[in-house]
Structures are given as C-alpha cells and as structure tokens.
Amino acid sequence: MFCVTSDPQRRVADFLDANDLHAPPAYRLLDLASEVGELAADATNSTAYGSTPENLDVNRDELGDTLFCLYALAEELGVDAEAAVDESLAKYESRIDDSGDPGSGVPEK
C-alpha cells in the first residue's frame, strides 16, 4: 500500500529535525547536484549515451533521493516547494497562452 501525503516537504523537514540532519543550503545544493548526476548516469547507461532514448531506465531509488534533496534544499532556504511549483506552472501557462511555447524565449544556438 502506498502512503499518500499532500506535503512531502513537511515529511522531509520532520525527518531532518528528528535526525538532526539540517545542513547549510550550499551543501544541500551540492547534494542535489550529485543525485541529479546519478540520474544522468542511469540515463546515459540505459540509453547508450542517448542513441536509444526508448530504453531510458532510471533507478526509482535515485529519483527518490533526488526529490528528498530538492525538498531538503527548499526547506533549508525557507521556500515553500509547492508554492514554487505553482508559480512555475502559472509562468509556463502564461507563456503558452502568450506565444504557444513554454520556453523562455531564449533563442537556440
């Protein structure tokens, strides 16, 4: 059975508190970059450096670690992750409404 919660950031914050695992945001950001790197390694290996994207396979555990690091970073920065996602979605929706494209308008090289 899956545990469904509406506030994963609160769960991560409670875990950090209970285990005395708070760290400076810079360390949290480096930890996040490391976990994203592990996802990228999974993608690189499973797709033969992108030549077979249909074979993409990332380790669920690594995805969970990445999410944990992201919520921990948000917590250490005092940012409400859910509100930040809501703001981003509104920004992308506005871009799509304005231009038909969610991109920031930066020209491709």
C-alpha atoms as a PDB file:
ATOM      1  CA  MET A   1       0.000   0.000   0.000  1.00  0.00           C
ATOM      2  CA  PHE A   2       1.284   3.442  -0.922  1.00  0.00           C
ATOM      3  CA  CYS A   3       1.378   6.275   1.574  1.00  0.00           C
ATOM      4  CA  VAL A   4      -0.114   9.378   0.004  1.00  0.00           C
ATOM      5  CA  THR A   5       0.596  12.724   1.588  1.00  0.00           C
ATOM      6  CA  SER A   6      -0.126  16.215   0.406  1.00  0.00           C
ATOM      7  CA  ASP A   7       3.031  17.658   1.916  1.00  0.00           C
ATOM      8  CA  PRO A   8       6.270  15.804   1.147  1.00  0.00           C
ATOM      9  CA  GLN A   9       8.323  18.861   2.105  1.00  0.00           C
ATOM     10  CA  ARG A  10       6.872  18.704   5.619  1.00  0.00           C
ATOM     11  CA  ARG A  11       7.754  14.987   5.820  1.00  0.00           C
ATOM     12  CA  VAL A  12      11.343  15.730   4.779  1.00  0.00           C
ATOM     13  CA  ALA A  13      11.544  18.643   7.241  1.00  0.00           C
ATOM     14  CA  ASP A  14      10.281  16.411  10.048  1.00  0.00           C
ATOM     15  CA  PHE A  15      12.881  13.783   9.114  1.00  0.00           C
ATOM     16  CA  LEU A  16      15.662  16.379   9.120  1.00  0.00           C
ATOM     17  CA  ASP A  17      14.516  17.626  12.536  1.00  0.00           C
ATOM     18  CA  ALA A  18      14.156  14.158  14.047  1.00  0.00           C
ATOM     19  CA  ASN A  19      17.599  13.068  12.883  1.00  0.00           C
ATOM     20  CA  ASP A  20      19.491  16.343  13.342  1.00  0.00           C
ATOM     21  CA  LEU A  21      20.291  16.423   9.622  1.00  0.00           C
ATOM     22  CA  HIS A  22      19.974  20.115   8.855  1.00  0.00           C
ATOM     23  CA  ALA A  23      22.774  21.474   6.675  1.00  0.00           C
ATOM     24  CA  PRO A  24      23.642  24.778   5.019  1.00  0.00           C
ATOM     25  CA  PRO A  25      21.809  25.367   1.724  1.00  0.00           C
ATOM     26  CA  ALA A  26      25.080  25.280  -0.246  1.00  0.00           C
ATOM     27  CA  TYR A  27      25.673  21.708   0.938  1.00  0.00           C
ATOM     28  CA  ARG A  28      22.100  20.783   0.102  1.00  0.00           C
ATOM     29  CA  LEU A  29      22.554  22.173  -3.407  1.00  0.00           C
ATOM     30  CA  LEU A  30      25.743  20.155  -3.912  1.00  0.00           C
ATOM     31  CA  ASP A  31      23.955  17.037  -2.652  1.00  0.00           C
ATOM     32  CA  LEU A  32      21.115  17.695  -5.109  1.00  0.00           C
ATOM     33  CA  ALA A  33      23.578  18.102  -7.989  1.00  0.00           C
ATOM     34  CA  SER A  34      25.195  14.801  -7.042  1.00  0.00           C
ATOM     35  CA  GLU A  35      21.852  12.982  -7.054  1.00  0.00           C
ATOM     36  CA  VAL A  36      20.851  14.518 -10.401  1.00  0.00           C
ATOM     37  CA  GLY A  37      24.208  13.304 -11.681  1.00  0.00           C
ATOM     38  CA  GLU A  38      23.297   9.768 -10.623  1.00  0.00           C
ATOM     39  CA  LEU A  39      20.043  10.055 -12.587  1.00  0.00           C
ATOM     40  CA  ALA A  40      22.009  11.312 -15.576  1.00  0.00           C
ATOM     41  CA  ALA A  41      24.374   8.353 -15.261  1.00  0.00           C
ATOM     42  CA  ASP A  42      21.383   5.982 -15.277  1.00  0.00           C
ATOM     43  CA  ALA A  43      20.080   7.718 -18.398  1.00  0.00           C
ATOM     44  CA  THR A  44      23.468   7.686 -20.089  1.00  0.00           C
ATOM     45  CA  ASN A  45      23.976   3.994 -19.419  1.00  0.00           C
ATOM     46  CA  SER A  46      20.467   2.803 -20.227  1.00  0.00           C
ATOM     47  CA  THR A  47      20.213   4.766 -23.487  1.00  0.00           C
ATOM     48  CA  ALA A  48      23.746   4.145 -24.757  1.00  0.00           C
ATOM     49  CA  TYR A  49      24.566   7.840 -24.462  1.00  0.00           C
ATOM     50  CA  GLY A  50      21.189   8.834 -25.862  1.00  0.00           C
ATOM     51  CA  SER A  51      21.292   6.714 -29.002  1.00  0.00           C
ATOM     52  CA  THR A  52      18.338   4.625 -27.782  1.00  0.00           C
ATOM     53  CA  PRO A  53      16.126   7.021 -25.786  1.00  0.00           C
ATOM     54  CA  GLU A  54      13.307   4.482 -25.768  1.00  0.00           C
ATOM     55  CA  ASN A  55      15.453   2.369 -23.405  1.00  0.00           C
ATOM     56  CA  LEU A  56      15.586   5.046 -20.714  1.00  0.00           C
ATOM     57  CA  ASP A  57      15.678   3.449 -17.293  1.00  0.00           C
ATOM     58  CA  VAL A  58      16.336   5.402 -14.119  1.00  0.00           C
ATOM     59  CA  ASN A  59      16.520   3.859 -10.692  1.00  0.00           C
ATOM     60  CA  ARG A  60      13.410   4.724  -8.688  1.00  0.00           C
ATOM     61  CA  ASP A  61      15.543   4.920  -5.553  1.00  0.00           C
ATOM     62  CA  GLU A  62      17.776   7.552  -7.171  1.00  0.00           C
ATOM     63  CA  LEU A  63      14.719   9.557  -8.204  1.00  0.00           C
ATOM     64  CA  GLY A  64      13.538   9.409  -4.594  1.00  0.00           C
ATOM     65  CA  ASP A  65      16.950  10.555  -3.359  1.00  0.00           C
ATOM     66  CA  THR A  66      16.814  13.465  -5.795  1.00  0.00           C
ATOM     67  CA  LEU A  67      13.367  14.512  -4.602  1.00  0.00           C
ATOM     68  CA  PHE A  68      14.488  14.230  -0.976  1.00  0.00           C
ATOM     69  CA  CYS A  69      17.459  16.504  -1.717  1.00  0.00           C
ATOM     70  CA  LEU A  70      15.256  19.007  -3.530  1.00  0.00           C
ATOM     71  CA  TYR A  71      12.748  19.199  -0.670  1.00  0.00           C
ATOM     72  CA  ALA A  72      15.601  19.442   1.860  1.00  0.00           C
ATOM     73  CA  LEU A  73      17.117  22.322  -0.125  1.00  0.00           C
ATOM     74  CA  ALA A  74      13.766  24.108  -0.250  1.00  0.00           C
ATOM     75  CA  GLU A  75      13.383  23.613   3.490  1.00  0.00           C
ATOM     76  CA  GLU A  76      16.850  24.979   4.279  1.00  0.00           C
ATOM     77  CA  LEU A  77      16.157  28.003   2.053  1.00  0.00           C
ATOM     78  CA  GLY A  78      12.769  28.612   3.674  1.00  0.00           C
ATOM     79  CA  VAL A  79      10.996  28.136   0.341  1.00  0.00           C
ATOM     80  CA  ASP A  80       7.577  26.504   0.119  1.00  0.00           C
ATOM     81  CA  ALA A  81       8.228  23.954  -2.653  1.00  0.00           C
ATOM     82  CA  GLU A  82       4.550  23.560  -3.517  1.00  0.00           C
ATOM     83  CA  ALA A  83       4.119  27.326  -3.886  1.00  0.00           C
ATOM     84  CA  ALA A  84       7.255  27.461  -6.048  1.00  0.00           C
ATOM     85  CA  VAL A  85       5.828  24.765  -8.347  1.00  0.00           C
ATOM     86  CA  ASP A  86       2.506  26.614  -8.525  1.00  0.00           C
ATOM     87  CA  GLU A  87       4.356  29.794  -9.546  1.00  0.00           C
ATOM     88  CA  SER A  88       6.326  27.914 -12.210  1.00  0.00           C
ATOM     89  CA  LEU A  89       3.204  26.296 -13.641  1.00  0.00           C
ATOM     90  CA  ALA A  90       1.494  29.688 -13.814  1.00  0.00           C
ATOM     91  CA  LYS A  91       4.554  31.109 -15.586  1.00  0.00           C
ATOM     92  CA  TYR A  92       4.585  28.268 -18.153  1.00  0.00           C
ATOM     93  CA  GLU A  93       0.822  28.532 -18.706  1.00  0.00           C
ATOM     94  CA  SER A  94       1.198  32.267 -19.312  1.00  0.00           C
ATOM     95  CA  ARG A  95       3.993  31.675 -21.820  1.00  0.00           C
ATOM     96  CA  ILE A  96       1.900  29.084 -23.662  1.00  0.00           C
ATOM     97  CA  ASP A  97      -1.063  31.475 -23.730  1.00  0.00           C
ATOM     98  CA  ASP A  98       1.140  34.320 -24.991  1.00  0.00           C
ATOM     99  CA  SER A  99       3.335  32.528 -27.512  1.00  0.00           C
ATOM    100  CA  GLY A 100       2.176  28.929 -27.768  1.00  0.00           C
ATOM    101  CA  ASP A 101       5.507  27.803 -26.302  1.00  0.00           C
ATOM    102  CA  PRO A 102       6.515  27.198 -22.677  1.00  0.00           C
ATOM    103  CA  GLY A 103      10.117  28.278 -23.356  1.00  0.00           C
ATOM    104  CA  SER A 104      11.624  31.468 -22.008  1.00  0.00           C
ATOM    105  CA  GLY A 105      12.137  32.915 -25.459  1.00  0.00           C
ATOM    106  CA  VAL A 106      15.899  32.491 -25.386  1.00  0.00           C
ATOM    107  CA  PRO A 107      16.960  31.727 -28.951  1.00  0.00           C
ATOM    108  CA  GLU A 108      18.512  28.335 -29.607  1.00  0.00           C
ATOM    109  CA  LYS A 109      22.101  28.272 -30.755  1.00  0.00           C
END
